[in-house]
Amino acid sequence: MASLNKKNVRSYKSASKNTPELILDAAEELMSRRGFHGVSIREIANLAEVHLGSVTYHFGTKENLLEAIYERHAQPMNLRRSDLLAEAARITNLSERLLAIVRAFVVPAFSSQSDVSGGGARFTRVRAILSMEGNEAAQRIIASNFDETSAAFVDAVLECCPRANRSSVVWRCHFLLGSLYYTLVSGERIDRLTHGDSSGADHHRAIDELSHSFAAAFSDLQNNNDTPVTKTEERQT
């Protein structure tokens, strides 16, 4: 695989950042483009402009480095989602509350308090690419960092849509996460199919479109009384 041209990425050398932060920034940048398996520790050290031994000294293994990337983003992202869910819970109109709940899930994926320059979006790209790799370490780290807030999101949706089936809500949450991933990894189709009238890099528009689309998808479950087919029923047909 071709190496990343350093001219295409910003330098992470900064007097205001310590060595571990420089390494984390560089690793996150590279993994957001090439995934976990497509990046070497040497490439991370080169982009961070630190000695190779510094990476192993501070993090030991590449898996530990990946876990550190998740840890520095997961906590602020989860806190932001929890705060937005709490704000949404105070809205009395159920349709407006449902939209606010979906936005509470979507907005932190595009921006993170841990990196005001867009770390949330870059981190979500890392998660998207790793999910396509089927990385077992990433799956374990994701579960430990995000399952609790994901369950809170499902519960909040069900409070707005009490007639909805929980499994259907979970499926649509799964589709929402996939849409987030694809939007942040590959927005070029928006530019092409709108003939340049819209930009896939327009995060404000992306947040609005995703939020309204999936608020409608969840709301539909409240009005649809069809019961999903279970595995047992599938075997009997």
Foldseek 3Di string as FASTA:
>chain_A
DDADDLVVDDALDDPVDDLLVLLLVLVLQVLLPQNLVRDDLVSSCVSSVHDSVVCCVVQNDSLSSVLVNCVLFLVQLLVQLVVQLVVLVPDPPLLSSLLSLLLSNQVQCQAGPSDRVGSSLSNLSSLLVHVVVVDPSSVVSCCVRPVVSLVVSLVSLCVSQVLFDSVQSVVLVVVLSNLSNCLSSDQVVVCVVVVNPDGSPPVVVVSVVSSVVSSVVSVVRSVDNDDDDDPVNVVVD
